[in-house]
Amino acid sequence: MLDKAKQLYDLQKKARAIQKELKETEVEAKAANGLVSVVFNGEQHIQEVVIDESLLKPENKRDLEKALQQCIAEAVSRVQALAAEKMKAIAGDLNIPGM
């Protein structure tokens, strides 16, 4: 019983460490030849959005929207992959089939 409690405590400790690491990790994605970029942290929170002034004209509205959508989708995808990779270490300790 104490062995299981210690294992659970160790897993929680690892999970907190990974969560802290993810919070401090930043992922950047760019679109429109680098004219638009977004930075997310590992918790999938936007940290920064940078838009080149040349895209801030009414005639560029559609291009800007598309570039932002591409940046955000790419950054979220990369952050999710990063988090999943880090969590595999904990899942492996649980001995869950298929993980």
Foldseek 3Di string as FASTA:
>chain_A
DVVVVVLVVVLVVLVVVLVVVQQVAKDKFFDPVRQWMWIAGLVLHTDDIHHHPVCVDPVNVVVVVVGVVVRSVVRVVVSVVVSVVSCVVSVVSVVDPPD
